[in-house]
């Protein structure tokens, strides 16, 4: 038996996406965007309400970065989501987050967050708030790489947003091997 909940914006896992942009004066800004993910090959889609400072910034610079929230920075990631840059222009400083300019797009990379997708804006829909960016680079701090030079989820500890309980959760243990385990049913 299943229980019906009606129309909800629930998805598991829901990544914690920290979108960073520059404003007209070159000041870095970031926000926590609850809705987003891979949109197409080498593209990322993220919902950003037109009233957010980030929407204004990404339209101006045609670029943004998306860092993935991690367990070590849950407080900072939550803060940039609950405080508006329209009211608090120094919210990155208050969150003790630092940025450096991306070498690939006109947008900041948040130093403390271990993984970032650096994107060139392809489109922004004012009605839906959907921004689509071409992923031109993915970068990761060496501290979260394994012996093979690939991102280690165990070292990275990315978090997801639990929309039902309003919690941040760490990703868990390995459950199977993609593109291999299903071979048993052939």
C-alpha atoms as a PDB file:
ATOM      1  CA  UNK A   1       0.000   0.000   0.000  1.00  0.00           C
ATOM      2  CA  UNK A   2       1.211   3.512  -0.840  1.00  0.00           C
ATOM      3  CA  UNK A   3       0.376   6.793   0.864  1.00  0.00           C
ATOM      4  CA  UNK A   4      -0.382   9.769  -1.413  1.00  0.00           C
ATOM      5  CA  UNK A   5       0.973  13.197  -0.460  1.00  0.00           C
ATOM      6  CA  UNK A   6      -0.389  15.205  -3.364  1.00  0.00           C
ATOM      7  CA  UNK A   7       1.687  17.596  -5.423  1.00  0.00           C
ATOM      8  CA  UNK A   8       4.957  18.250  -3.559  1.00  0.00           C
ATOM      9  CA  UNK A   9       8.434  19.547  -4.465  1.00  0.00           C
ATOM     10  CA  UNK A  10      10.083  16.472  -3.002  1.00  0.00           C
ATOM     11  CA  UNK A  11      13.026  14.674  -4.558  1.00  0.00           C
ATOM     12  CA  UNK A  12      15.680  12.450  -3.016  1.00  0.00           C
ATOM     13  CA  UNK A  13      18.523  13.230  -3.088  1.00  0.00           C
ATOM     14  CA  UNK A  14      18.244  16.970  -3.620  1.00  0.00           C
ATOM     15  CA  UNK A  15      21.713  18.509  -3.943  1.00  0.00           C
ATOM     16  CA  UNK A  16      22.692  21.565  -1.938  1.00  0.00           C
ATOM     17  CA  UNK A  17      23.769  23.962  -4.686  1.00  0.00           C
ATOM     18  CA  UNK A  18      25.554  27.191  -3.812  1.00  0.00           C
ATOM     19  CA  UNK A  19      25.335  29.543  -6.796  1.00  0.00           C
ATOM     20  CA  UNK A  20      27.971  32.288  -6.915  1.00  0.00           C
ATOM     21  CA  UNK A  21      28.054  35.392  -9.117  1.00  0.00           C
ATOM     22  CA  UNK A  22      29.612  38.843  -9.299  1.00  0.00           C
ATOM     23  CA  UNK A  23      27.512  41.999  -9.059  1.00  0.00           C
ATOM     24  CA  UNK A  24      27.936  45.135 -11.200  1.00  0.00           C
ATOM     25  CA  UNK A  25      30.822  46.295  -8.958  1.00  0.00           C
ATOM     26  CA  UNK A  26      32.657  42.959  -9.052  1.00  0.00           C
ATOM     27  CA  UNK A  27      31.587  41.930  -5.540  1.00  0.00           C
ATOM     28  CA  UNK A  28      31.008  38.222  -5.021  1.00  0.00           C
ATOM     29  CA  UNK A  29      27.613  36.929  -3.924  1.00  0.00           C
ATOM     30  CA  UNK A  30      26.260  33.439  -3.282  1.00  0.00           C
ATOM     31  CA  UNK A  31      22.921  31.820  -2.598  1.00  0.00           C
ATOM     32  CA  UNK A  32      21.704  28.356  -1.678  1.00  0.00           C
ATOM     33  CA  UNK A  33      19.490  27.088  -4.511  1.00  0.00           C
ATOM     34  CA  UNK A  34      17.325  24.142  -3.523  1.00  0.00           C
ATOM     35  CA  UNK A  35      16.178  23.187  -7.016  1.00  0.00           C
ATOM     36  CA  UNK A  36      18.675  22.244  -9.674  1.00  0.00           C
ATOM     37  CA  UNK A  37      20.778  19.586 -11.291  1.00  0.00           C
ATOM     38  CA  UNK A  38      22.152  18.295 -14.565  1.00  0.00           C
ATOM     39  CA  UNK A  39      19.949  19.638 -17.353  1.00  0.00           C
ATOM     40  CA  UNK A  40      21.554  18.043 -20.422  1.00  0.00           C
ATOM     41  CA  UNK A  41      25.012  16.931 -21.502  1.00  0.00           C
ATOM     42  CA  UNK A  42      27.461  19.486 -20.066  1.00  0.00           C
ATOM     43  CA  UNK A  43      24.577  21.661 -18.865  1.00  0.00           C
ATOM     44  CA  UNK A  44      23.250  22.508 -15.444  1.00  0.00           C
ATOM     45  CA  UNK A  45      19.825  23.936 -14.661  1.00  0.00           C
ATOM     46  CA  UNK A  46      19.014  25.795 -11.465  1.00  0.00           C
ATOM     47  CA  UNK A  47      15.941  27.721 -10.309  1.00  0.00           C
ATOM     48  CA  UNK A  48      16.710  31.287  -9.240  1.00  0.00           C
ATOM     49  CA  UNK A  49      13.785  33.591  -8.512  1.00  0.00           C
ATOM     50  CA  UNK A  50      13.993  36.811 -10.574  1.00  0.00           C
ATOM     51  CA  UNK A  51      13.890  38.843  -7.339  1.00  0.00           C
ATOM     52  CA  UNK A  52      17.191  37.422  -6.102  1.00  0.00           C
ATOM     53  CA  UNK A  53      20.381  39.442  -6.452  1.00  0.00           C
ATOM     54  CA  UNK A  54      21.920  36.331  -8.009  1.00  0.00           C
ATOM     55  CA  UNK A  55      19.439  36.471 -10.914  1.00  0.00           C
ATOM     56  CA  UNK A  56      20.395  40.086 -11.613  1.00  0.00           C
ATOM     57  CA  UNK A  57      24.092  39.205 -11.406  1.00  0.00           C
ATOM     58  CA  UNK A  58      24.048  36.164 -13.654  1.00  0.00           C
ATOM     59  CA  UNK A  59      22.154  38.065 -16.358  1.00  0.00           C
ATOM     60  CA  UNK A  60      24.746  40.853 -16.135  1.00  0.00           C
ATOM     61  CA  UNK A  61      27.876  38.660 -16.298  1.00  0.00           C
ATOM     62  CA  UNK A  62      26.376  35.710 -18.229  1.00  0.00           C
ATOM     63  CA  UNK A  63      28.201  33.340 -15.891  1.00  0.00           C
ATOM     64  CA  UNK A  64      27.923  31.606 -12.521  1.00  0.00           C
ATOM     65  CA  UNK A  65      29.520  28.848 -10.491  1.00  0.00           C
ATOM     66  CA  UNK A  66      27.741  26.146  -8.560  1.00  0.00           C
ATOM     67  CA  UNK A  67      29.526  24.710  -5.555  1.00  0.00           C
ATOM     68  CA  UNK A  68      28.227  21.608  -3.850  1.00  0.00           C
ATOM     69  CA  UNK A  69      27.518  21.966  -0.138  1.00  0.00           C
ATOM     70  CA  UNK A  70      29.488  19.693   2.168  1.00  0.00           C
ATOM     71  CA  UNK A  71      29.106  18.501   5.757  1.00  0.00           C
ATOM     72  CA  UNK A  72      31.931  20.731   7.003  1.00  0.00           C
ATOM     73  CA  UNK A  73      30.137  23.889   5.794  1.00  0.00           C
ATOM     74  CA  UNK A  74      26.440  23.232   6.470  1.00  0.00           C
ATOM     75  CA  UNK A  75      26.074  26.372   8.621  1.00  0.00           C
ATOM     76  CA  UNK A  76      27.649  28.605   5.974  1.00  0.00           C
ATOM     77  CA  UNK A  77      25.635  27.018   3.147  1.00  0.00           C
ATOM     78  CA  UNK A  78      22.396  27.440   5.080  1.00  0.00           C
ATOM     79  CA  UNK A  79      23.240  31.064   5.945  1.00  0.00           C
ATOM     80  CA  UNK A  80      23.728  32.123   2.318  1.00  0.00           C
ATOM     81  CA  UNK A  81      20.314  30.609   1.622  1.00  0.00           C
ATOM     82  CA  UNK A  82      18.376  32.327   4.396  1.00  0.00           C
ATOM     83  CA  UNK A  83      19.947  35.774   4.028  1.00  0.00           C
ATOM     84  CA  UNK A  84      19.340  37.899   0.933  1.00  0.00           C
ATOM     85  CA  UNK A  85      22.146  39.878  -0.697  1.00  0.00           C
ATOM     86  CA  UNK A  86      19.490  42.511  -1.406  1.00  0.00           C
ATOM     87  CA  UNK A  87      19.473  43.147   2.363  1.00  0.00           C
ATOM     88  CA  UNK A  88      22.972  41.969   3.363  1.00  0.00           C
ATOM     89  CA  UNK A  89      25.546  42.661   0.629  1.00  0.00           C
ATOM     90  CA  UNK A  90      28.426  41.281   2.751  1.00  0.00           C
ATOM     91  CA  UNK A  91      26.829  37.923   3.476  1.00  0.00           C
ATOM     92  CA  UNK A  92      29.814  35.936   2.154  1.00  0.00           C
ATOM     93  CA  UNK A  93      32.097  37.817   4.534  1.00  0.00           C
ATOM     94  CA  UNK A  94      29.675  37.201   7.431  1.00  0.00           C
ATOM     95  CA  UNK A  95      29.626  33.504   6.504  1.00  0.00           C
ATOM     96  CA  UNK A  96      33.450  33.533   6.536  1.00  0.00           C
ATOM     97  CA  UNK A  97      33.517  32.270   2.949  1.00  0.00           C
ATOM     98  CA  UNK A  98      36.204  33.426   0.540  1.00  0.00           C
ATOM     99  CA  UNK A  99      36.247  33.472  -3.233  1.00  0.00           C
ATOM    100  CA  UNK A 100      38.681  33.450  -6.097  1.00  0.00           C
ATOM    101  CA  UNK A 101      37.926  34.276  -9.713  1.00  0.00           C
ATOM    102  CA  UNK A 102      37.241  31.327 -11.970  1.00  0.00           C
ATOM    103  CA  UNK A 103      39.825  30.912 -14.721  1.00  0.00           C
ATOM    104  CA  UNK A 104      37.036  29.804 -17.072  1.00  0.00           C
ATOM    105  CA  UNK A 105      34.008  32.097 -16.519  1.00  0.00           C
ATOM    106  CA  UNK A 106      33.315  35.567 -15.111  1.00  0.00           C
ATOM    107  CA  UNK A 107      32.167  34.274 -11.720  1.00  0.00           C
ATOM    108  CA  UNK A 108      33.659  33.517  -8.299  1.00  0.00           C
ATOM    109  CA  UNK A 109      34.594  30.092  -6.944  1.00  0.00           C
ATOM    110  CA  UNK A 110      34.047  29.616  -3.206  1.00  0.00           C
ATOM    111  CA  UNK A 111      37.374  28.452  -1.800  1.00  0.00           C
ATOM    112  CA  UNK A 112      36.026  26.553   1.214  1.00  0.00           C
ATOM    113  CA  UNK A 113      33.572  24.406  -0.758  1.00  0.00           C
ATOM    114  CA  UNK A 114      35.489  21.482  -2.273  1.00  0.00           C
ATOM    115  CA  UNK A 115      33.737  21.109  -5.636  1.00  0.00           C
ATOM    116  CA  UNK A 116      32.485  23.648  -8.170  1.00  0.00           C
ATOM    117  CA  UNK A 117      30.906  23.611 -11.610  1.00  0.00           C
ATOM    118  CA  UNK A 118      31.888  26.704 -13.583  1.00  0.00           C
ATOM    119  CA  UNK A 119      29.137  27.711 -15.996  1.00  0.00           C
ATOM    120  CA  UNK A 120      28.482  30.064 -18.893  1.00  0.00           C
ATOM    121  CA  UNK A 121      24.858  31.226 -18.919  1.00  0.00           C
ATOM    122  CA  UNK A 122      22.933  29.805 -21.883  1.00  0.00           C
ATOM    123  CA  UNK A 123      19.459  31.024 -20.911  1.00  0.00           C
ATOM    124  CA  UNK A 124      17.418  32.510 -18.114  1.00  0.00           C
ATOM    125  CA  UNK A 125      13.619  32.358 -18.103  1.00  0.00           C
ATOM    126  CA  UNK A 126      12.137  35.272 -16.139  1.00  0.00           C
ATOM    127  CA  UNK A 127       8.782  33.467 -15.765  1.00  0.00           C
ATOM    128  CA  UNK A 128      10.086  30.227 -14.302  1.00  0.00           C
ATOM    129  CA  UNK A 129      13.386  31.470 -12.852  1.00  0.00           C
ATOM    130  CA  UNK A 130      15.187  28.617 -14.606  1.00  0.00           C
ATOM    131  CA  UNK A 131      18.816  29.362 -15.440  1.00  0.00           C
ATOM    132  CA  UNK A 132      20.639  26.969 -17.730  1.00  0.00           C
ATOM    133  CA  UNK A 133      24.406  27.062 -17.902  1.00  0.00           C
ATOM    134  CA  UNK A 134      26.989  25.280 -19.998  1.00  0.00           C
ATOM    135  CA  UNK A 135      29.452  23.545 -17.689  1.00  0.00           C
ATOM    136  CA  UNK A 136      32.851  24.678 -18.968  1.00  0.00           C
ATOM    137  CA  UNK A 137      34.886  23.304 -16.061  1.00  0.00           C
ATOM    138  CA  UNK A 138      34.530  21.220 -12.929  1.00  0.00           C
ATOM    139  CA  UNK A 139      37.103  21.827 -10.220  1.00  0.00           C
ATOM    140  CA  UNK A 140      37.768  20.110  -6.901  1.00  0.00           C
ATOM    141  CA  UNK A 141      40.125  20.750  -4.024  1.00  0.00           C
ATOM    142  CA  UNK A 142      42.931  18.188  -3.927  1.00  0.00           C
ATOM    143  CA  UNK A 143      41.934  17.405  -0.328  1.00  0.00           C
ATOM    144  CA  UNK A 144      38.867  15.499  -1.587  1.00  0.00           C
ATOM    145  CA  UNK A 145      40.637  13.460  -4.271  1.00  0.00           C
ATOM    146  CA  UNK A 146      41.471   9.776  -3.911  1.00  0.00           C
ATOM    147  CA  UNK A 147      44.685   7.983  -4.938  1.00  0.00           C
ATOM    148  CA  UNK A 148      43.484   7.887  -8.574  1.00  0.00           C
ATOM    149  CA  UNK A 149      43.002  11.668  -8.636  1.00  0.00           C
ATOM    150  CA  UNK A 150      39.189  11.405  -8.709  1.00  0.00           C
ATOM    151  CA  UNK A 151      36.681  12.955  -6.309  1.00  0.00           C
ATOM    152  CA  UNK A 152      36.181  10.766  -3.241  1.00  0.00           C
ATOM    153  CA  UNK A 153      32.642  11.098  -1.785  1.00  0.00           C
ATOM    154  CA  UNK A 154      34.003   9.819   1.531  1.00  0.00           C
ATOM    155  CA  UNK A 155      36.526  12.676   1.727  1.00  0.00           C
ATOM    156  CA  UNK A 156      34.180  15.247   0.190  1.00  0.00           C
ATOM    157  CA  UNK A 157      31.083  14.445   2.306  1.00  0.00           C
ATOM    158  CA  UNK A 158      28.534  16.217   0.064  1.00  0.00           C
ATOM    159  CA  UNK A 159      25.182  16.934   1.671  1.00  0.00           C
ATOM    160  CA  UNK A 160      21.671  16.760   0.294  1.00  0.00           C
ATOM    161  CA  UNK A 161      18.600  18.678   1.338  1.00  0.00           C
ATOM    162  CA  UNK A 162      15.735  16.639   2.799  1.00  0.00           C
ATOM    163  CA  UNK A 163      12.672  18.670   1.713  1.00  0.00           C
ATOM    164  CA  UNK A 164      10.246  16.603   3.789  1.00  0.00           C
ATOM    165  CA  UNK A 165      11.971  17.100   7.153  1.00  0.00           C
ATOM    166  CA  UNK A 166      13.945  20.286   6.326  1.00  0.00           C
ATOM    167  CA  UNK A 167      17.299  18.717   7.145  1.00  0.00           C
ATOM    168  CA  UNK A 168      20.691  18.430   5.481  1.00  0.00           C
ATOM    169  CA  UNK A 169      21.876  14.834   5.168  1.00  0.00           C
ATOM    170  CA  UNK A 170      25.256  13.327   4.286  1.00  0.00           C
ATOM    171  CA  UNK A 171      25.348  10.860   1.431  1.00  0.00           C
ATOM    172  CA  UNK A 172      25.598   7.269   2.620  1.00  0.00           C
ATOM    173  CA  UNK A 173      27.452   4.090   1.820  1.00  0.00           C
ATOM    174  CA  UNK A 174      27.837   2.472  -1.594  1.00  0.00           C
ATOM    175  CA  UNK A 175      24.672   0.558  -2.555  1.00  0.00           C
ATOM    176  CA  UNK A 176      25.807  -0.947  -5.854  1.00  0.00           C
ATOM    177  CA  UNK A 177      27.875  -0.537  -9.012  1.00  0.00           C
ATOM    178  CA  UNK A 178      26.321   1.490 -11.838  1.00  0.00           C
ATOM    179  CA  UNK A 179      26.238   0.014 -15.345  1.00  0.00           C
ATOM    180  CA  UNK A 180      27.276  -3.363 -13.911  1.00  0.00           C
ATOM    181  CA  UNK A 181      24.895  -4.736 -11.247  1.00  0.00           C
ATOM    182  CA  UNK A 182      21.982  -4.921 -13.711  1.00  0.00           C
ATOM    183  CA  UNK A 183      23.994  -7.324 -15.849  1.00  0.00           C
ATOM    184  CA  UNK A 184      22.890 -10.080 -13.452  1.00  0.00           C
ATOM    185  CA  UNK A 185      19.364  -9.828 -14.884  1.00  0.00           C
ATOM    186  CA  UNK A 186      20.356 -10.190 -18.552  1.00  0.00           C
END
